[in-house]
């Protein structure tokens, strides 16, 4: 991969379509895409927004990605180009048990499997514009330990987040990108956590639409 503008090679045909979970009653104007990275979260990713209260003006879509990072980034690139997005939430597992972490930033660290940084001429840090604190609070309200986190995510999640934040593809534009890092061994509750965080993200997008424009 040469940068986040392409996010990878040509997208594989299989597994690239997102499952839709419509949570806005009508006149949908915004789409929030939720994608899982790595083998662990795939089976726990919700397939719909069932259980979430309707959020006006937002369509919530869930999309599992291939396990291999290069294939995952290629599929993500395909998804970004298939429809305009208002926001993107990445989901991945951490290496330790403990709390759920909403990532505040990503770092220009070593590319997975290589010696060079993700972007040799890129900034050291790329910050997320996603609604960090609302997602943290939503996780806590769901009975899950959670915090905002500025520490680097595991390599794959950090790579994806940094790539998208530091050099967003044209298809993503200025849409905010966030990341939910689940603790190791959180299989049984991951679906609840994803719904909580995604719901808070969607409500933030809805509030922006409902705000009067001057």
N, C-alpha and C. Protein backbone atom coordinates (compact mmCIF):
# COMPACT_ATOMS: atom_id res chain seq x y z
N UNK A 1 0.84 -1.20 0.00
CA UNK A 1 0.00 0.00 0.00
C UNK A 1 0.87 1.24 0.00
N UNK A 2 0.43 2.25 -0.76
CA UNK A 2 1.24 3.45 -0.90
C UNK A 2 0.66 4.63 -0.14
N UNK A 3 -0.46 4.44 0.56
CA UNK A 3 -1.01 5.56 1.31
C UNK A 3 -2.48 5.37 1.51
N UNK A 4 -3.08 6.26 2.29
CA UNK A 4 -4.47 6.09 2.63
C UNK A 4 -5.41 6.52 1.53
N UNK A 5 -4.92 7.21 0.52
CA UNK A 5 -5.82 7.63 -0.54
C UNK A 5 -6.38 6.44 -1.30
N UNK A 6 -5.61 5.36 -1.38
CA UNK A 6 -6.10 4.15 -2.03
C UNK A 6 -6.48 3.10 -1.00
N UNK A 7 -5.90 3.16 0.20
CA UNK A 7 -6.16 2.25 1.30
C UNK A 7 -5.76 0.82 1.00
N UNK A 8 -5.22 0.53 -0.15
CA UNK A 8 -4.83 -0.83 -0.44
C UNK A 8 -5.01 -1.15 -1.91
N UNK A 9 -4.88 -2.42 -2.23
CA UNK A 9 -5.05 -2.85 -3.61
C UNK A 9 -6.52 -2.92 -3.95
N UNK A 10 -6.84 -3.46 -5.13
CA UNK A 10 -8.22 -3.56 -5.54
C UNK A 10 -8.99 -4.39 -4.54
N UNK A 11 -10.21 -3.98 -4.24
CA UNK A 11 -10.98 -4.64 -3.20
C UNK A 11 -11.43 -6.01 -3.66
N UNK A 12 -11.37 -7.03 -2.78
CA UNK A 12 -11.89 -8.34 -3.13
C UNK A 12 -13.39 -8.29 -3.23
N UNK A 13 -13.94 -9.11 -4.10
CA UNK A 13 -15.38 -9.09 -4.33
C UNK A 13 -16.14 -9.65 -3.14
N UNK A 14 -15.59 -10.68 -2.49
CA UNK A 14 -16.32 -11.33 -1.41
C UNK A 14 -16.21 -10.53 -0.13
N UNK A 15 -17.33 -10.48 0.61
CA UNK A 15 -17.34 -9.88 1.93
C UNK A 15 -17.25 -8.39 1.96
N UNK A 16 -17.46 -7.72 0.85
CA UNK A 16 -17.27 -6.27 0.82
C UNK A 16 -18.54 -5.51 1.06
N UNK A 17 -19.67 -6.17 1.00
CA UNK A 17 -20.93 -5.46 1.15
C UNK A 17 -21.28 -5.31 2.62
N UNK A 18 -21.80 -4.17 3.00
CA UNK A 18 -22.17 -3.92 4.39
C UNK A 18 -23.59 -4.37 4.66
N UNK A 19 -23.82 -4.85 5.88
CA UNK A 19 -25.17 -5.16 6.32
C UNK A 19 -25.81 -3.88 6.80
N UNK A 20 -27.01 -3.63 6.38
CA UNK A 20 -27.66 -2.38 6.73
C UNK A 20 -28.50 -2.53 7.99
N UNK A 21 -28.47 -1.50 8.83
CA UNK A 21 -29.32 -1.44 10.01
C UNK A 21 -29.91 -0.06 10.08
N UNK A 22 -31.10 0.10 9.58
CA UNK A 22 -31.67 1.43 9.45
C UNK A 22 -32.25 1.88 10.77
N UNK A 23 -31.77 3.01 11.27
CA UNK A 23 -32.24 3.50 12.56
C UNK A 23 -32.90 4.87 12.43
N UNK A 24 -33.00 5.40 11.24
CA UNK A 24 -33.73 6.64 11.02
C UNK A 24 -35.03 6.29 10.31
N UNK A 25 -36.17 6.84 10.74
CA UNK A 25 -37.46 6.44 10.20
C UNK A 25 -37.67 6.79 8.74
N UNK A 26 -37.17 7.91 8.29
CA UNK A 26 -37.42 8.34 6.92
C UNK A 26 -36.47 9.47 6.58
N UNK A 27 -36.38 9.77 5.27
CA UNK A 27 -35.58 10.89 4.80
C UNK A 27 -34.14 10.82 5.32
N UNK A 28 -33.54 9.65 5.21
CA UNK A 28 -32.17 9.47 5.71
C UNK A 28 -31.21 10.34 4.92
N UNK A 29 -30.38 11.08 5.63
CA UNK A 29 -29.45 11.97 4.95
C UNK A 29 -27.99 11.66 5.27
N UNK A 30 -27.73 10.88 6.33
CA UNK A 30 -26.36 10.61 6.74
C UNK A 30 -26.17 9.11 6.96
N UNK A 31 -24.96 8.62 6.71
CA UNK A 31 -24.64 7.22 6.95
C UNK A 31 -23.41 7.12 7.84
N UNK A 32 -23.52 6.33 8.89
CA UNK A 32 -22.39 6.00 9.76
C UNK A 32 -22.03 4.54 9.51
N UNK A 33 -20.79 4.29 9.11
CA UNK A 33 -20.31 2.94 8.82
C UNK A 33 -19.48 2.44 9.99
N UNK A 34 -19.77 1.21 10.42
CA UNK A 34 -19.03 0.56 11.50
C UNK A 34 -18.34 -0.67 10.94
N UNK A 35 -17.01 -0.73 11.07
CA UNK A 35 -16.22 -1.83 10.50
C UNK A 35 -15.35 -2.46 11.58
N UNK A 36 -15.25 -3.79 11.55
CA UNK A 36 -14.40 -4.51 12.49
C UNK A 36 -13.12 -4.95 11.80
N UNK A 37 -12.00 -4.79 12.51
CA UNK A 37 -10.69 -5.19 12.01
C UNK A 37 -10.17 -6.39 12.79
N UNK A 38 -9.56 -7.34 12.11
CA UNK A 38 -8.97 -8.49 12.78
C UNK A 38 -9.96 -9.63 12.96
N UNK A 39 -9.44 -10.79 13.32
CA UNK A 39 -10.26 -12.00 13.41
C UNK A 39 -11.23 -11.94 14.57
N UNK A 40 -10.81 -11.38 15.70
CA UNK A 40 -11.63 -11.44 16.91
C UNK A 40 -12.99 -10.78 16.80
N UNK A 41 -13.05 -9.50 16.39
CA UNK A 41 -14.34 -8.80 16.43
C UNK A 41 -15.34 -9.23 15.36
N UNK A 42 -14.91 -9.94 14.32
CA UNK A 42 -15.79 -10.18 13.19
C UNK A 42 -17.08 -10.89 13.59
N UNK A 43 -16.97 -11.96 14.35
CA UNK A 43 -18.16 -12.75 14.70
C UNK A 43 -19.04 -12.02 15.70
N UNK A 44 -18.52 -11.01 16.37
CA UNK A 44 -19.29 -10.29 17.38
C UNK A 44 -19.86 -8.98 16.86
N UNK A 45 -19.51 -8.60 15.65
CA UNK A 45 -20.02 -7.35 15.10
C UNK A 45 -21.52 -7.48 14.84
N UNK A 46 -22.33 -6.55 15.36
CA UNK A 46 -23.77 -6.63 15.08
C UNK A 46 -24.02 -6.58 13.57
N UNK A 47 -25.10 -7.22 13.16
CA UNK A 47 -25.47 -7.18 11.74
C UNK A 47 -26.54 -6.13 11.47
N UNK A 48 -27.09 -5.56 12.52
CA UNK A 48 -28.11 -4.53 12.34
C UNK A 48 -28.13 -3.64 13.58
N UNK A 49 -28.95 -2.60 13.52
CA UNK A 49 -29.07 -1.67 14.64
C UNK A 49 -30.18 -2.07 15.59
N UNK A 50 -30.61 -3.31 15.52
CA UNK A 50 -31.67 -3.78 16.41
C UNK A 50 -31.28 -3.54 17.87
N UNK A 51 -32.21 -2.99 18.63
CA UNK A 51 -31.94 -2.68 20.03
C UNK A 51 -31.59 -1.23 20.27
N UNK A 52 -31.32 -0.47 19.21
CA UNK A 52 -31.06 0.96 19.33
C UNK A 52 -32.34 1.75 19.04
N UNK A 53 -32.56 2.78 19.83
CA UNK A 53 -33.69 3.66 19.54
C UNK A 53 -33.44 4.38 18.22
N UNK A 54 -34.52 4.68 17.47
CA UNK A 54 -34.34 5.39 16.20
C UNK A 54 -33.59 6.70 16.39
N UNK A 55 -32.69 6.99 15.50
CA UNK A 55 -31.91 8.22 15.52
C UNK A 55 -32.18 8.96 14.23
N UNK A 56 -32.83 10.09 14.34
CA UNK A 56 -33.31 10.79 13.16
C UNK A 56 -32.17 11.23 12.26
N UNK A 57 -32.32 10.94 10.98
CA UNK A 57 -31.39 11.43 9.98
C UNK A 57 -30.13 10.62 9.79
N UNK A 58 -30.02 9.44 10.46
CA UNK A 58 -28.80 8.66 10.37
C UNK A 58 -29.12 7.21 10.03
N UNK A 59 -28.39 6.67 9.07
CA UNK A 59 -28.46 5.27 8.68
C UNK A 59 -27.20 4.59 9.18
N UNK A 60 -27.34 3.56 10.00
CA UNK A 60 -26.21 2.88 10.60
C UNK A 60 -25.96 1.58 9.85
N UNK A 61 -24.73 1.40 9.35
CA UNK A 61 -24.36 0.22 8.57
C UNK A 61 -23.18 -0.49 9.22
N UNK A 62 -23.24 -1.82 9.25
CA UNK A 62 -22.18 -2.63 9.83
C UNK A 62 -21.52 -3.45 8.73
N UNK A 63 -20.20 -3.50 8.74
CA UNK A 63 -19.48 -4.23 7.69
C UNK A 63 -18.27 -4.96 8.27
N UNK A 64 -18.29 -6.29 8.31
CA UNK A 64 -17.09 -7.02 8.67
C UNK A 64 -16.07 -6.90 7.55
N UNK A 65 -14.80 -6.95 7.90
CA UNK A 65 -13.72 -6.84 6.93
C UNK A 65 -12.89 -8.12 6.96
N UNK A 66 -12.15 -8.42 5.89
CA UNK A 66 -11.27 -9.59 5.90
C UNK A 66 -10.27 -9.52 7.04
N UNK A 67 -9.78 -10.69 7.46
CA UNK A 67 -8.87 -10.74 8.59
C UNK A 67 -7.51 -10.11 8.27
N UNK A 68 -6.97 -10.37 7.07
CA UNK A 68 -5.68 -9.81 6.69
C UNK A 68 -5.78 -8.30 6.54
N UNK A 69 -4.81 -7.58 7.08
CA UNK A 69 -4.89 -6.13 7.10
C UNK A 69 -4.93 -5.52 5.71
N UNK A 70 -4.10 -6.01 4.78
CA UNK A 70 -4.10 -5.43 3.44
C UNK A 70 -5.43 -5.65 2.74
N UNK A 71 -6.02 -6.83 2.93
CA UNK A 71 -7.32 -7.11 2.33
C UNK A 71 -8.41 -6.29 3.02
N UNK A 72 -8.28 -6.10 4.32
CA UNK A 72 -9.26 -5.29 5.05
C UNK A 72 -9.26 -3.85 4.56
N UNK A 73 -8.07 -3.29 4.35
CA UNK A 73 -7.99 -1.91 3.88
C UNK A 73 -8.52 -1.76 2.46
N UNK A 74 -8.30 -2.79 1.63
CA UNK A 74 -8.83 -2.75 0.28
C UNK A 74 -10.36 -2.81 0.30
N UNK A 75 -10.93 -3.67 1.14
CA UNK A 75 -12.38 -3.75 1.25
C UNK A 75 -12.96 -2.46 1.80
N UNK A 76 -12.26 -1.87 2.76
CA UNK A 76 -12.71 -0.61 3.33
C UNK A 76 -12.71 0.48 2.26
N UNK A 77 -11.69 0.51 1.44
CA UNK A 77 -11.64 1.48 0.34
C UNK A 77 -12.85 1.32 -0.57
N UNK A 78 -13.20 0.07 -0.87
CA UNK A 78 -14.37 -0.20 -1.71
C UNK A 78 -15.64 0.30 -1.04
N UNK A 79 -15.77 0.06 0.25
CA UNK A 79 -16.96 0.51 0.97
C UNK A 79 -17.07 2.03 0.99
N UNK A 80 -15.95 2.71 1.17
CA UNK A 80 -15.96 4.16 1.20
C UNK A 80 -16.40 4.74 -0.14
N UNK A 81 -16.06 4.07 -1.21
CA UNK A 81 -16.40 4.56 -2.54
C UNK A 81 -17.81 4.20 -2.96
N UNK A 82 -18.43 3.24 -2.26
CA UNK A 82 -19.74 2.76 -2.68
C UNK A 82 -20.87 3.71 -2.30
N UNK A 83 -20.66 4.54 -1.27
CA UNK A 83 -21.71 5.46 -0.84
C UNK A 83 -21.08 6.55 0.03
N UNK A 84 -21.57 7.78 -0.03
CA UNK A 84 -21.01 8.84 0.81
C UNK A 84 -21.28 8.56 2.29
N UNK A 85 -20.30 8.86 3.11
CA UNK A 85 -20.41 8.61 4.55
C UNK A 85 -20.32 9.91 5.33
N UNK A 86 -21.01 9.93 6.46
CA UNK A 86 -20.90 11.05 7.38
C UNK A 86 -19.98 10.73 8.54
N UNK A 87 -19.64 9.46 8.71
CA UNK A 87 -18.76 9.06 9.80
C UNK A 87 -18.36 7.61 9.66
N UNK A 88 -17.24 7.25 10.30
CA UNK A 88 -16.72 5.89 10.25
C UNK A 88 -16.21 5.51 11.63
N UNK A 89 -16.64 4.35 12.13
CA UNK A 89 -16.17 3.83 13.42
C UNK A 89 -15.48 2.50 13.18
N UNK A 90 -14.19 2.43 13.53
CA UNK A 90 -13.42 1.20 13.44
C UNK A 90 -13.46 0.47 14.79
N UNK A 91 -13.50 -0.85 14.74
CA UNK A 91 -13.57 -1.66 15.95
C UNK A 91 -12.45 -2.70 15.91
N UNK A 92 -11.72 -2.82 17.01
CA UNK A 92 -10.66 -3.82 17.08
C UNK A 92 -10.43 -4.25 18.51
N UNK A 93 -9.68 -5.32 18.69
CA UNK A 93 -9.35 -5.83 20.02
C UNK A 93 -7.98 -5.33 20.45
N UNK A 94 -7.85 -5.05 21.75
CA UNK A 94 -6.56 -4.76 22.34
C UNK A 94 -5.85 -6.05 22.72
N UNK A 95 -4.68 -5.92 23.30
CA UNK A 95 -3.87 -7.08 23.68
C UNK A 95 -3.99 -7.43 25.15
N UNK A 96 -4.76 -6.65 25.90
CA UNK A 96 -4.88 -6.86 27.33
C UNK A 96 -6.34 -6.80 27.75
N UNK A 97 -6.71 -7.50 28.83
CA UNK A 97 -8.05 -7.35 29.39
C UNK A 97 -8.18 -5.99 30.07
N UNK A 98 -9.39 -5.61 30.40
CA UNK A 98 -9.58 -4.33 31.07
C UNK A 98 -10.75 -3.55 30.51
N UNK A 99 -10.52 -2.28 30.21
CA UNK A 99 -11.62 -1.42 29.81
C UNK A 99 -11.68 -1.24 28.30
N UNK A 100 -12.84 -0.70 27.86
CA UNK A 100 -12.99 -0.29 26.47
C UNK A 100 -12.36 1.08 26.30
N UNK A 101 -11.72 1.28 25.17
CA UNK A 101 -11.00 2.52 24.95
C UNK A 101 -11.44 3.17 23.64
N UNK A 102 -11.85 4.42 23.74
CA UNK A 102 -12.14 5.21 22.56
C UNK A 102 -10.87 5.98 22.23
N UNK A 103 -10.32 5.71 21.06
CA UNK A 103 -9.02 6.27 20.71
C UNK A 103 -9.14 7.75 20.34
N UNK A 104 -8.31 8.56 20.97
CA UNK A 104 -8.30 9.99 20.70
C UNK A 104 -7.39 10.34 19.52
N UNK A 105 -6.44 9.45 19.23
CA UNK A 105 -5.48 9.75 18.19
C UNK A 105 -4.80 8.47 17.72
N UNK A 106 -4.06 8.57 16.64
CA UNK A 106 -3.23 7.48 16.14
C UNK A 106 -1.83 8.02 15.88
N UNK A 107 -0.85 7.14 15.89
CA UNK A 107 0.54 7.56 15.76
C UNK A 107 1.18 6.99 14.49
N UNK A 108 2.13 7.75 13.96
CA UNK A 108 2.85 7.35 12.76
C UNK A 108 3.95 6.36 13.13
N UNK A 109 3.52 5.18 13.52
CA UNK A 109 4.45 4.15 13.96
C UNK A 109 4.86 3.26 12.79
N UNK A 110 5.63 2.25 13.11
CA UNK A 110 6.10 1.31 12.09
C UNK A 110 4.93 0.60 11.43
N UNK A 111 4.97 0.51 10.11
CA UNK A 111 3.94 -0.20 9.38
C UNK A 111 3.97 -1.68 9.77
N UNK A 112 2.81 -2.30 9.95
CA UNK A 112 2.80 -3.73 10.29
C UNK A 112 3.57 -4.56 9.27
N UNK A 113 4.54 -5.31 9.75
CA UNK A 113 5.31 -6.17 8.88
C UNK A 113 6.43 -5.48 8.13
N UNK A 114 6.66 -4.20 8.40
CA UNK A 114 7.72 -3.47 7.70
C UNK A 114 8.52 -2.64 8.71
N UNK A 115 9.60 -2.05 8.23
CA UNK A 115 10.45 -1.26 9.10
C UNK A 115 10.16 0.23 9.04
N UNK A 116 9.60 0.69 7.92
CA UNK A 116 9.36 2.12 7.77
C UNK A 116 8.06 2.54 8.46
N UNK A 117 7.93 3.84 8.77
CA UNK A 117 6.68 4.32 9.37
C UNK A 117 5.53 4.25 8.38
N UNK A 118 4.33 4.42 8.88
CA UNK A 118 3.15 4.34 8.03
C UNK A 118 3.24 5.35 6.89
N UNK A 119 3.57 6.59 7.22
CA UNK A 119 3.79 7.64 6.22
C UNK A 119 5.12 8.31 6.55
N UNK A 120 6.18 8.00 5.80
CA UNK A 120 7.51 8.54 6.12
C UNK A 120 7.54 10.06 6.27
N UNK A 121 6.73 10.77 5.52
CA UNK A 121 6.71 12.22 5.61
C UNK A 121 5.47 12.74 6.34
N UNK A 122 4.74 11.86 6.98
CA UNK A 122 3.50 12.25 7.63
C UNK A 122 3.71 12.80 9.03
N UNK A 123 2.68 13.41 9.61
CA UNK A 123 2.78 13.93 10.98
C UNK A 123 2.95 12.80 11.98
N UNK A 124 3.53 13.13 13.12
CA UNK A 124 3.77 12.11 14.14
C UNK A 124 2.47 11.58 14.73
N UNK A 125 1.48 12.46 14.80
CA UNK A 125 0.20 12.10 15.43
C UNK A 125 -0.94 12.62 14.56
N UNK A 126 -2.02 11.86 14.47
CA UNK A 126 -3.24 12.30 13.81
C UNK A 126 -4.39 12.13 14.79
N UNK A 127 -5.14 13.21 15.00
CA UNK A 127 -6.18 13.21 16.03
C UNK A 127 -7.55 12.95 15.44
N UNK A 128 -8.36 12.25 16.22
CA UNK A 128 -9.72 11.91 15.80
C UNK A 128 -10.68 13.05 16.12
N UNK A 129 -11.61 13.30 15.20
CA UNK A 129 -12.66 14.30 15.41
C UNK A 129 -13.99 13.64 15.77
N UNK A 130 -13.96 12.35 16.05
CA UNK A 130 -15.17 11.64 16.45
C UNK A 130 -15.61 12.10 17.84
N UNK A 131 -16.87 11.89 18.20
CA UNK A 131 -17.38 12.32 19.52
C UNK A 131 -16.86 11.41 20.63
N UNK A 132 -15.67 11.67 21.10
CA UNK A 132 -14.97 10.79 22.04
C UNK A 132 -15.74 10.62 23.35
N UNK A 133 -15.98 11.73 24.04
CA UNK A 133 -16.62 11.64 25.35
C UNK A 133 -18.03 11.08 25.31
N UNK A 134 -18.87 11.47 24.32
CA UNK A 134 -20.20 10.85 24.25
C UNK A 134 -20.12 9.33 24.08
N UNK A 135 -19.15 8.83 23.32
CA UNK A 135 -19.03 7.38 23.16
C UNK A 135 -18.57 6.73 24.45
N UNK A 136 -17.63 7.37 25.15
CA UNK A 136 -17.19 6.85 26.44
C UNK A 136 -18.37 6.78 27.41
N UNK A 137 -19.15 7.85 27.48
CA UNK A 137 -20.29 7.88 28.40
C UNK A 137 -21.33 6.84 28.03
N UNK A 138 -21.56 6.63 26.74
CA UNK A 138 -22.54 5.63 26.31
C UNK A 138 -22.10 4.23 26.72
N UNK A 139 -20.82 3.95 26.63
CA UNK A 139 -20.31 2.65 27.07
C UNK A 139 -20.50 2.48 28.57
N UNK A 140 -20.21 3.52 29.32
CA UNK A 140 -20.39 3.46 30.77
C UNK A 140 -21.86 3.28 31.13
N UNK A 141 -22.73 3.99 30.41
CA UNK A 141 -24.17 3.86 30.65
C UNK A 141 -24.66 2.45 30.35
N UNK A 142 -23.95 1.75 29.46
CA UNK A 142 -24.30 0.37 29.14
C UNK A 142 -23.69 -0.62 30.13
N UNK A 143 -23.05 -0.10 31.17
CA UNK A 143 -22.48 -0.96 32.20
C UNK A 143 -21.10 -1.51 31.87
N UNK A 144 -20.39 -0.83 30.96
CA UNK A 144 -19.08 -1.31 30.53
C UNK A 144 -18.00 -0.32 30.95
N UNK A 145 -16.87 -0.80 31.45
CA UNK A 145 -15.78 0.11 31.81
C UNK A 145 -15.18 0.73 30.55
N UNK A 146 -15.02 2.03 30.55
CA UNK A 146 -14.57 2.71 29.33
C UNK A 146 -13.82 3.98 29.68
N UNK A 147 -12.94 4.39 28.76
CA UNK A 147 -12.22 5.65 28.93
C UNK A 147 -11.74 6.14 27.57
N UNK A 148 -11.50 7.45 27.49
CA UNK A 148 -10.83 8.01 26.33
C UNK A 148 -9.35 7.69 26.45
N UNK A 149 -8.71 7.39 25.33
CA UNK A 149 -7.34 6.90 25.38
C UNK A 149 -6.48 7.54 24.31
N UNK A 150 -5.33 8.08 24.71
CA UNK A 150 -4.38 8.66 23.76
C UNK A 150 -3.20 7.73 23.49
N UNK A 151 -3.18 6.57 24.14
CA UNK A 151 -2.11 5.61 23.91
C UNK A 151 -2.32 4.94 22.55
N UNK A 152 -1.24 4.51 21.90
CA UNK A 152 -1.39 3.88 20.58
C UNK A 152 -2.23 2.61 20.65
N UNK A 153 -3.04 2.40 19.63
CA UNK A 153 -3.81 1.17 19.50
C UNK A 153 -2.88 0.05 19.03
N UNK A 154 -3.30 -1.21 19.09
CA UNK A 154 -2.52 -2.28 18.48
C UNK A 154 -2.21 -1.97 17.02
N UNK A 155 -1.19 -2.61 16.48
CA UNK A 155 -0.62 -2.21 15.19
C UNK A 155 -1.64 -2.08 14.07
N UNK A 156 -2.50 -3.07 13.90
CA UNK A 156 -3.45 -3.03 12.79
C UNK A 156 -4.45 -1.91 12.92
N UNK A 157 -5.02 -1.74 14.11
CA UNK A 157 -6.00 -0.69 14.33
C UNK A 157 -5.34 0.68 14.23
N UNK A 158 -4.15 0.83 14.78
CA UNK A 158 -3.44 2.10 14.68
C UNK A 158 -3.13 2.45 13.23
N UNK A 159 -2.71 1.43 12.45
CA UNK A 159 -2.40 1.65 11.03
C UNK A 159 -3.63 2.17 10.29
N UNK A 160 -4.76 1.51 10.47
CA UNK A 160 -5.98 1.91 9.77
C UNK A 160 -6.41 3.31 10.20
N UNK A 161 -6.40 3.57 11.50
CA UNK A 161 -6.86 4.86 12.00
C UNK A 161 -5.92 5.98 11.55
N UNK A 162 -4.62 5.77 11.67
CA UNK A 162 -3.68 6.81 11.25
C UNK A 162 -3.79 7.08 9.76
N UNK A 163 -3.88 6.03 8.96
CA UNK A 163 -3.98 6.20 7.51
C UNK A 163 -5.18 7.05 7.13
N UNK A 164 -6.31 6.78 7.76
CA UNK A 164 -7.55 7.49 7.43
C UNK A 164 -7.54 8.92 7.96
N UNK A 165 -6.92 9.13 9.13
CA UNK A 165 -6.91 10.47 9.72
C UNK A 165 -5.87 11.38 9.08
N UNK A 166 -4.72 10.83 8.76
CA UNK A 166 -3.63 11.68 8.28
C UNK A 166 -3.73 11.98 6.79
N UNK A 167 -4.35 11.11 6.05
CA UNK A 167 -4.48 11.30 4.60
C UNK A 167 -5.81 10.71 4.14
N UNK A 168 -6.92 11.34 4.54
CA UNK A 168 -8.23 10.75 4.23
C UNK A 168 -8.48 10.65 2.73
N UNK A 169 -9.01 9.53 2.28
CA UNK A 169 -9.34 9.40 0.86
C UNK A 169 -10.45 10.36 0.48
N UNK A 170 -10.50 10.71 -0.79
CA UNK A 170 -11.51 11.66 -1.27
C UNK A 170 -12.91 11.21 -0.95
N UNK A 171 -13.14 9.89 -0.98
CA UNK A 171 -14.48 9.37 -0.72
C UNK A 171 -14.92 9.61 0.72
N UNK A 172 -13.96 9.76 1.62
CA UNK A 172 -14.29 10.00 3.03
C UNK A 172 -14.42 11.49 3.31
N UNK A 173 -13.63 12.30 2.64
CA UNK A 173 -13.71 13.75 2.83
C UNK A 173 -13.38 14.14 4.26
N UNK A 174 -14.23 14.98 4.84
CA UNK A 174 -14.01 15.47 6.20
C UNK A 174 -14.81 14.71 7.23
N UNK A 175 -15.39 13.59 6.85
CA UNK A 175 -16.18 12.80 7.80
C UNK A 175 -15.31 12.35 8.98
N UNK A 176 -15.80 12.46 10.21
CA UNK A 176 -15.00 12.04 11.36
C UNK A 176 -14.81 10.53 11.39
N UNK A 177 -13.63 10.14 11.86
CA UNK A 177 -13.28 8.71 11.97
C UNK A 177 -12.93 8.44 13.43
N UNK A 178 -13.55 7.43 14.01
CA UNK A 178 -13.26 7.05 15.39
C UNK A 178 -12.86 5.60 15.48
N UNK A 179 -12.38 5.20 16.65
CA UNK A 179 -11.96 3.81 16.86
C UNK A 179 -12.32 3.36 18.26
N UNK A 180 -12.92 2.19 18.33
CA UNK A 180 -13.25 1.54 19.59
C UNK A 180 -12.31 0.34 19.76
N UNK A 181 -11.51 0.36 20.81
CA UNK A 181 -10.62 -0.75 21.12
C UNK A 181 -11.22 -1.54 22.27
N UNK A 182 -11.63 -2.78 21.96
CA UNK A 182 -12.21 -3.64 22.98
C UNK A 182 -11.11 -4.38 23.74
N UNK A 183 -11.32 -4.69 25.02
CA UNK A 183 -10.30 -5.43 25.76
C UNK A 183 -10.22 -6.88 25.30
N UNK A 184 -9.08 -7.49 25.50
CA UNK A 184 -8.91 -8.89 25.18
C UNK A 184 -9.92 -9.74 25.95
N UNK A 185 -10.56 -10.67 25.26
CA UNK A 185 -11.51 -11.57 25.91
C UNK A 185 -12.89 -11.00 26.11
N UNK A 186 -13.22 -9.92 25.39
CA UNK A 186 -14.51 -9.26 25.58
C UNK A 186 -15.58 -9.79 24.62
N UNK A 187 -15.44 -11.01 24.13
CA UNK A 187 -16.33 -11.53 23.10
C UNK A 187 -17.81 -11.41 23.44
N UNK A 188 -18.18 -11.81 24.64
CA UNK A 188 -19.59 -11.89 24.97
C UNK A 188 -20.31 -10.57 25.02
N UNK A 189 -19.59 -9.48 25.23
CA UNK A 189 -20.23 -8.18 25.39
C UNK A 189 -19.88 -7.21 24.28
N UNK A 190 -19.13 -7.65 23.28
CA UNK A 190 -18.67 -6.73 22.26
C UNK A 190 -19.82 -6.13 21.46
N UNK A 191 -20.84 -6.96 21.16
CA UNK A 191 -21.98 -6.45 20.42
C UNK A 191 -22.65 -5.31 21.14
N UNK A 192 -22.83 -5.44 22.45
CA UNK A 192 -23.43 -4.37 23.25
C UNK A 192 -22.56 -3.12 23.24
N UNK A 193 -21.26 -3.31 23.33
CA UNK A 193 -20.35 -2.17 23.31
C UNK A 193 -20.38 -1.44 21.98
N UNK A 194 -20.38 -2.19 20.89
CA UNK A 194 -20.40 -1.57 19.57
C UNK A 194 -21.69 -0.78 19.38
N UNK A 195 -22.81 -1.35 19.77
CA UNK A 195 -24.09 -0.63 19.63
C UNK A 195 -24.09 0.65 20.45
N UNK A 196 -23.53 0.59 21.67
CA UNK A 196 -23.50 1.77 22.53
C UNK A 196 -22.65 2.87 21.91
N UNK A 197 -21.45 2.53 21.48
CA UNK A 197 -20.55 3.54 20.91
C UNK A 197 -21.10 4.07 19.59
N UNK A 198 -21.59 3.18 18.74
CA UNK A 198 -22.13 3.61 17.45
C UNK A 198 -23.37 4.48 17.64
N UNK A 199 -24.20 4.15 18.62
CA UNK A 199 -25.37 4.96 18.88
C UNK A 199 -25.01 6.38 19.28
N UNK A 200 -23.98 6.52 20.14
CA UNK A 200 -23.54 7.85 20.56
C UNK A 200 -22.97 8.62 19.37
N UNK A 201 -22.21 7.94 18.53
CA UNK A 201 -21.64 8.57 17.33
C UNK A 201 -22.77 9.04 16.43
N UNK A 202 -23.76 8.19 16.22
CA UNK A 202 -24.88 8.54 15.35
C UNK A 202 -25.69 9.71 15.91
N UNK A 203 -25.88 9.74 17.21
CA UNK A 203 -26.62 10.85 17.81
C UNK A 203 -25.88 12.17 17.63
N UNK A 204 -24.55 12.12 17.69
CA UNK A 204 -23.75 13.32 17.44
C UNK A 204 -23.95 13.81 16.01
N UNK A 205 -23.94 12.90 15.05
CA UNK A 205 -24.17 13.27 13.66
C UNK A 205 -25.58 13.84 13.48
N UNK A 206 -26.56 13.22 14.12
CA UNK A 206 -27.93 13.68 14.01
C UNK A 206 -28.09 15.09 14.57
N UNK A 207 -27.40 15.36 15.71
CA UNK A 207 -27.47 16.68 16.31
C UNK A 207 -26.91 17.75 15.37
N UNK A 208 -25.88 17.40 14.60
CA UNK A 208 -25.31 18.35 13.66
C UNK A 208 -26.31 18.68 12.56
N UNK A 209 -27.06 17.67 12.13
CA UNK A 209 -28.05 17.90 11.09
C UNK A 209 -29.20 18.76 11.61
N UNK A 210 -29.59 18.50 12.85
CA UNK A 210 -30.75 19.20 13.43
C UNK A 210 -30.41 20.62 13.84
N UNK A 211 -29.11 20.92 14.02
CA UNK A 211 -28.73 22.26 14.46
C UNK A 211 -29.07 23.28 13.38
N UNK A 212 -29.65 24.42 13.76
CA UNK A 212 -29.97 25.45 12.76
C UNK A 212 -28.71 26.01 12.14
N UNK A 213 -28.78 26.22 10.86
CA UNK A 213 -27.65 26.80 10.15
C UNK A 213 -27.85 28.30 9.96
N UNK A 214 -26.84 29.01 10.31
CA UNK A 214 -26.95 30.45 10.18
C UNK A 214 -26.11 30.94 9.10
